[in-house]
Protein backbone atom coordinates (compact mmCIF):
# COMPACT_ATOMS: atom_id res chain seq x y z
CA MET A 1 0.01 0.00 0.00
CA GLU A 2 1.07 3.58 -0.56
CA GLU A 3 0.92 6.50 1.86
CA GLY A 4 -2.45 8.24 1.83
CA GLU A 5 -4.22 5.27 0.27
CA GLU A 6 -7.78 4.59 1.44
CA VAL A 7 -8.43 1.23 3.06
CA SER A 8 -11.72 -0.66 2.76
CA VAL A 9 -13.02 -2.29 5.94
CA GLY A 10 -16.03 -4.56 5.48
CA GLU A 11 -18.48 -3.49 2.83
CA SER A 12 -17.71 0.23 2.72
CA LYS A 13 -14.71 2.56 2.62
CA LEU A 14 -14.07 4.17 5.97
CA ASP A 15 -11.55 6.65 4.59
CA ILE A 16 -8.66 5.28 6.68
CA GLN A 17 -5.33 6.66 5.48
CA LEU A 18 -1.89 5.13 6.09
CA LEU A 19 0.74 7.51 7.40
CA ASP A 20 4.57 7.52 7.21
CA VAL A 21 4.78 4.34 5.15
CA LYS A 22 8.38 3.05 4.96
CA ARG A 23 9.55 0.15 2.83
CA GLY A 24 10.22 -2.90 4.97
CA SER A 25 8.57 -1.40 8.04
CA ALA A 26 6.57 -3.72 10.28
CA VAL A 27 4.72 -0.81 11.91
CA LEU A 28 2.13 1.26 10.06
CA ARG A 29 0.20 4.24 11.40
CA PHE A 30 -3.19 5.23 10.05
CA SER A 31 -5.86 7.83 10.67
CA GLY A 32 -9.46 8.40 9.63
CA LYS A 33 -12.09 11.11 9.40
CA SER A 34 -14.29 9.26 11.89
CA PRO A 35 -11.90 7.72 14.45
CA SER A 36 -14.60 6.62 16.92
CA TYR A 37 -16.43 4.64 14.22
CA VAL A 38 -13.21 3.06 12.95
CA ILE A 39 -12.04 2.14 16.45
CA LYS A 40 -15.43 0.60 17.28
CA ASN A 41 -15.20 -1.63 14.18
CA LEU A 42 -11.67 -2.68 15.11
CA ARG A 43 -12.80 -3.50 18.65
CA ASP A 44 -15.61 -5.59 17.16
CA VAL A 45 -13.01 -7.54 15.16
CA GLY A 46 -11.00 -8.20 18.32
CA ALA A 47 -14.11 -9.26 20.25
CA ALA A 48 -15.20 -11.66 17.50
CA ILE A 49 -11.76 -13.31 17.47
CA ARG A 50 -11.91 -13.86 21.24
CA GLN A 51 -15.58 -14.84 21.31
CA PRO A 52 -16.85 -15.96 17.84
CA GLU A 53 -20.46 -16.03 19.00
CA ARG A 54 -20.33 -12.22 19.32
CA ALA A 55 -19.98 -11.85 15.55
CA GLY A 56 -23.74 -12.34 15.13
CA GLU A 57 -25.11 -10.21 12.30
CA ASN A 58 -21.92 -8.16 12.21
CA ILE A 59 -20.62 -9.91 9.10
CA ARG A 60 -18.92 -6.79 7.75
CA ILE A 61 -15.89 -7.67 9.90
CA LEU A 62 -15.47 -11.16 8.39
CA ASN A 63 -14.04 -10.20 4.98
CA PRO A 64 -11.24 -7.98 6.36
CA LEU A 65 -10.52 -10.58 9.06
CA GLU A 66 -10.17 -13.26 6.38
CA GLU A 67 -7.79 -11.06 4.35
CA LEU A 68 -5.67 -10.07 7.34
CA SER A 69 -5.43 -13.69 8.53
CA SER A 70 -4.24 -14.64 5.04
CA ILE A 71 -1.59 -11.88 5.15
CA ALA A 72 -0.41 -13.01 8.61
CA ARG A 73 -0.20 -16.59 7.33
CA ARG A 74 1.87 -15.64 4.27
CA LEU A 75 4.25 -13.50 6.33
CA GLY A 76 4.37 -15.91 9.27
CA CYS A 77 3.56 -13.17 11.78
CA THR A 78 0.94 -11.77 14.16
CA ILE A 79 -0.87 -8.50 13.35
CA LEU A 80 -1.59 -6.21 16.33
CA VAL A 81 -3.91 -3.22 16.05
CA ARG A 82 -3.36 -0.64 18.80
CA GLU A 83 -5.01 2.65 19.78
CA THR A 84 -1.89 4.70 20.45
CA ASN A 85 -3.62 7.93 21.48
CA SER A 86 -5.62 6.37 24.30
CA GLY A 87 -2.82 6.86 26.82
CA ASN A 88 -2.26 3.16 27.48
CA ASP A 89 -1.73 1.73 23.98
CA ASP A 90 -4.89 -0.41 24.06
CA VAL A 91 -4.73 -3.50 21.85
CA LEU A 92 -7.92 -3.45 19.75
CA ALA A 93 -7.35 -6.73 17.91
CA VAL A 94 -4.76 -9.50 17.67
CA ILE A 95 -4.89 -11.32 14.34
CA GLU A 96 -3.06 -14.63 14.04
CA PRO A 97 -2.49 -16.68 10.86
CA ASP A 98 -5.29 -19.04 11.92
CA SER A 99 -7.72 -16.46 13.37
CA PHE A 100 -10.24 -16.69 10.54
CA GLU A 101 -10.11 -20.51 10.42
CA THR A 102 -10.71 -20.62 14.17
CA ILE A 103 -13.74 -18.36 14.02
CA SER A 104 -15.04 -20.24 10.93
CA THR A 105 -15.48 -23.50 12.84
CA SER A 106 -17.74 -21.73 15.33
CA ILE A 107 -19.95 -19.54 13.18
CA PHE A 108 -20.20 -21.20 9.75
CA ILE A 109 -22.22 -24.10 8.38
CA HIS A 110 -21.27 -25.63 5.01
CA GLY A 111 -23.50 -27.52 2.60
CA ASP A 112 -24.27 -28.18 -1.06
CA THR A 113 -27.19 -26.29 -2.59
CA SER A 114 -28.39 -24.53 -5.76
CA LEU A 115 -29.09 -20.85 -6.40
CA THR A 116 -30.82 -18.92 -9.15
CA GLY A 117 -29.44 -15.56 -10.18
CA LEU A 118 -28.39 -13.15 -12.92
CA VAL A 119 -24.74 -13.38 -14.03
CA GLU A 120 -23.26 -9.86 -14.06
CA ARG A 121 -19.52 -10.50 -14.32
CA VAL A 122 -16.94 -13.28 -14.40
CA GLY A 123 -13.15 -13.16 -14.12
CA GLY A 124 -10.14 -12.74 -11.90
CA ALA A 125 -6.36 -12.78 -12.27
CA THR A 126 -5.54 -15.16 -9.42
CA VAL A 127 -8.92 -16.42 -8.14
CA ILE A 128 -11.82 -16.80 -10.58
CA LYS A 129 -14.98 -15.14 -9.25
CA CYS A 130 -18.51 -14.54 -10.48
CA GLY A 131 -20.80 -11.66 -9.59
CA LEU A 132 -24.31 -13.08 -9.21
CA ARG A 133 -27.39 -10.92 -8.64
CA VAL A 134 -29.79 -12.91 -6.41
CA SER A 135 -33.26 -12.12 -5.13
CA PHE A 136 -32.64 -12.70 -1.42
CA GLN A 137 -30.08 -9.93 -0.81
CA PRO A 138 -29.62 -6.38 -2.13
CA ARG A 139 -25.89 -6.61 -2.76
CA MET A 140 -24.30 -8.65 -5.51
CA LEU A 141 -23.20 -12.10 -4.35
CA ILE A 142 -19.52 -12.65 -5.18
CA CYS A 143 -18.91 -16.37 -5.72
CA ARG A 144 -15.74 -18.37 -6.22
CA VAL A 145 -15.70 -20.48 -9.40
CA VAL A 146 -14.19 -23.97 -9.14
CA ASN A 147 -12.38 -24.00 -12.52
CA LYS A 148 -11.93 -22.24 -15.86
CA GLU A 149 -14.40 -24.51 -17.65
CA VAL A 150 -17.25 -23.46 -15.37
CA ALA A 151 -16.08 -19.83 -15.64
CA ARG A 152 -16.21 -20.08 -19.44
CA THR A 153 -19.82 -21.33 -19.28
CA LEU A 154 -20.74 -18.49 -16.93
CA GLY A 155 -19.03 -16.00 -19.25
CA GLU A 156 -21.22 -17.18 -22.12
CA ARG A 157 -24.30 -16.35 -20.02
CA VAL A 158 -23.47 -12.86 -18.76
CA TYR A 159 -26.69 -10.90 -18.11
CA GLN A 160 -28.71 -14.10 -18.23
CA GLU A 161 -30.54 -16.02 -15.53
CA VAL A 162 -28.79 -19.25 -14.52
CA VAL A 163 -28.99 -21.99 -11.92
CA VAL A 164 -25.66 -22.57 -10.17
CA HIS A 165 -24.83 -25.62 -8.09
CA GLY A 166 -22.10 -25.70 -5.47
CA THR A 167 -21.12 -25.36 -1.82
CA ALA A 168 -22.54 -22.60 0.34
CA ARG A 169 -21.27 -21.18 3.61
CA TRP A 170 -23.99 -19.87 5.95
CA ILE A 171 -23.70 -18.05 9.27
CA ARG A 172 -24.94 -20.34 12.03
CA ASN A 173 -28.26 -19.39 13.68
CA THR A 174 -29.09 -16.62 11.19
CA TRP A 175 -28.62 -18.74 8.01
CA ARG A 176 -27.34 -15.67 6.20
CA LEU A 177 -25.28 -16.63 3.15
CA TYR A 178 -21.63 -15.60 3.52
CA GLY A 179 -19.95 -17.35 0.60
CA PHE A 180 -20.63 -19.67 -2.33
CA GLU A 181 -18.39 -21.76 -4.61
CA ILE A 182 -19.88 -22.52 -8.02
CA LYS A 183 -19.13 -26.05 -9.23
CA ASN A 184 -21.66 -26.34 -12.04
CA VAL A 185 -24.02 -24.09 -13.99
CA GLU A 186 -27.05 -24.56 -16.20
CA PRO A 187 -29.53 -22.22 -17.89
CA PHE A 188 -32.57 -21.15 -15.90
CA LEU A 189 -35.74 -22.62 -17.39
CA PRO A 190 -38.84 -21.30 -15.62
CA GLY A 191 -41.50 -23.94 -15.23
CA SER A 192 -45.24 -23.87 -14.59
CA VAL A 193 -47.07 -24.08 -11.27
CA ASP A 194 -48.13 -27.64 -12.21
CA ASP A 195 -44.46 -28.59 -12.62
CA ALA A 196 -43.65 -27.13 -9.21
CA MET A 197 -46.50 -29.00 -7.50
CA LYS A 198 -45.45 -32.22 -9.21
CA ALA A 199 -41.90 -31.73 -7.95
CA LEU A 200 -43.19 -31.19 -4.42
CA ARG A 201 -45.23 -34.37 -4.59
CA ASN A 202 -42.25 -36.32 -5.89
CA ALA A 203 -40.21 -34.94 -2.98
CA GLY A 204 -42.64 -36.35 -0.42
CA GLY A 205 -45.65 -34.10 -0.69
CA ALA A 206 -47.85 -37.04 -1.72
CA GLY A 207 -47.59 -38.28 1.87
CA TRP A 208 -50.34 -35.83 2.81
CA ASP A 209 -52.78 -38.05 0.87
CA ASN A 210 -52.43 -40.63 3.65
CA ILE A 211 -53.43 -38.18 6.41
CA PRO A 212 -57.24 -38.02 6.86
CA ASP A 213 -57.29 -34.59 8.53
CA PRO A 214 -54.16 -32.54 7.66
CA GLN A 215 -55.40 -29.47 9.61
CA ALA A 216 -55.81 -31.45 12.81
CA TYR A 217 -52.43 -33.11 12.24
CA LEU A 218 -50.70 -29.74 11.92
CA GLY A 219 -52.46 -28.50 15.07
CA ASN A 220 -51.14 -31.46 17.05
CA ALA A 221 -47.66 -30.95 15.58
CA ARG A 222 -47.63 -27.34 16.84
């Protein structure tokens, strides 16, 4: 990074600027236009590392934590974030090479599933990613793509609706989608209501035919 460069934390730029950058230095100073907001976010990162269950809905801290853990792993070091102007050099966060992996085991659930969305972009120099516009969240879902062949298929369907199959990573308890790796893709072919009902029956819905009074059954189940 260069001196004066803005740093993104989470989903938005917080206008944090690096100061007095020196080549080879292991210590970097930074400042921001809204120090209290920045410091609160950094404290949240430190709290989530110590107690993963505190992350909750605060998923904006997960992306920077993943990136910083990766940097610490590559450099074989620990990253400390301190508040130097507090009078006692408070440590806001301690990021180890395995910090993100440790928190992942506590807050994430993995599983295979399928999503429907609009392909908006595909590419990447080192890691192939796909920007997918989905109906269940306002922001574009950035997905990893398993290989170049799948990426090529996605590229042929830019600005088209597709069905992607792969592995999802949800946040435990909230079931909010955090990440998705696309392993296969096919065109989206909207079906009729009759097709949907038939699919439900084939998936077990026909079992209701064997229940004399479904309403009473549901009341007892509640």
